[in-house]
Amino acid sequence: MFESMTMEGFILAIIIGTLAAIVYSLRILVLLERRIARLDINVEKIVRRIEKEELRIEAEERRIEHEIGVKKKKR
């Protein structure tokens, strides 16, 4: 009888340990997902900033070309 209780306790400990490992792994996955989301947001901000700068440069180029009388190339 004592041996079966020990075996049941051992199996219960394995199950609880496995569940704890799964919960910990899910916690790590959530933290990684949040970190990746922040990284994605930062990349989007950088892209928007570069896009604004490119549009400003293109507008400046058009203004300069207009001032010096350069005709546009046909595409």
Protein backbone atom coordinates (compact mmCIF):
# COMPACT_ATOMS: atom_id res chain seq x y z
CA MET A 1 0.00 0.00 0.00
CA PHE A 2 2.81 2.42 0.90
CA GLU A 3 4.57 1.73 -2.41
CA SER A 4 1.47 2.59 -4.47
CA MET A 5 1.07 5.89 -2.60
CA THR A 6 4.67 6.74 -3.37
CA MET A 7 4.14 5.93 -7.03
CA GLU A 8 0.98 8.06 -7.12
CA GLY A 9 2.82 10.93 -5.44
CA PHE A 10 5.67 10.59 -7.92
CA ILE A 11 3.26 10.69 -10.89
CA LEU A 12 1.44 13.66 -9.36
CA ALA A 13 4.75 15.50 -8.91
CA ILE A 14 5.65 14.86 -12.57
CA ILE A 15 2.26 16.18 -13.72
CA ILE A 16 2.51 19.29 -11.53
CA GLY A 17 6.07 19.91 -12.71
CA THR A 18 5.02 19.59 -16.34
CA LEU A 19 2.15 22.02 -15.83
CA ALA A 20 4.48 24.50 -14.12
CA ALA A 21 6.91 24.25 -17.06
CA ILE A 22 4.07 24.90 -19.52
CA VAL A 23 2.90 27.96 -17.57
CA TYR A 24 6.45 29.32 -17.38
CA SER A 25 6.95 28.77 -21.11
CA LEU A 26 3.72 30.61 -21.88
CA ARG A 27 4.87 33.50 -19.69
CA ILE A 28 8.14 33.72 -21.62
CA LEU A 29 6.26 33.59 -24.93
CA VAL A 30 4.01 36.46 -23.85
CA LEU A 31 7.02 38.54 -22.83
CA LEU A 32 8.72 37.85 -26.16
CA GLU A 33 5.56 38.75 -28.07
CA ARG A 34 5.35 42.07 -26.23
CA ARG A 35 8.99 42.80 -26.98
CA ILE A 36 8.50 41.99 -30.67
CA ALA A 37 5.39 44.20 -30.76
CA ARG A 38 7.39 47.12 -29.33
CA LEU A 39 10.13 46.49 -31.88
CA ASP A 40 7.54 46.50 -34.67
CA ILE A 41 6.09 49.80 -33.43
CA ASN A 42 9.56 51.36 -33.35
CA VAL A 43 10.31 50.17 -36.89
CA GLU A 44 7.02 51.68 -38.10
CA LYS A 45 7.93 55.02 -36.47
CA ILE A 46 11.32 55.00 -38.19
CA VAL A 47 9.73 54.19 -41.55
CA ARG A 48 7.22 57.03 -41.15
CA ARG A 49 10.01 59.44 -40.26
CA ILE A 50 12.04 58.37 -43.31
CA GLU A 51 8.96 58.66 -45.54
CA LYS A 52 8.33 62.23 -44.35
CA GLU A 53 11.96 63.11 -44.99
CA GLU A 54 11.84 61.58 -48.49
CA LEU A 55 8.66 63.51 -49.34
CA ARG A 56 10.27 66.72 -48.10
CA ILE A 57 13.36 66.06 -50.23
CA GLU A 58 11.25 65.31 -53.32
CA ALA A 59 9.24 68.50 -52.83
CA GLU A 60 12.46 70.48 -52.49
CA GLU A 61 13.84 68.88 -55.67
CA ARG A 62 10.65 69.76 -57.59
CA ARG A 63 10.84 73.34 -56.32
CA ILE A 64 14.48 73.67 -57.37
CA GLU A 65 13.81 72.09 -60.78
CA HIS A 66 10.89 74.48 -61.29
CA GLU A 67 13.06 77.46 -60.36
CA ILE A 68 15.85 76.55 -62.78
CA GLY A 69 13.45 75.44 -65.52
CA VAL A 70 14.33 71.75 -65.78
CA LYS A 71 11.69 69.75 -67.64
CA LYS A 72 10.40 66.51 -66.18
CA LYS A 73 11.49 63.22 -67.66
CA LYS A 74 8.74 61.14 -69.23
CA ARG A 75 8.52 57.65 -67.85
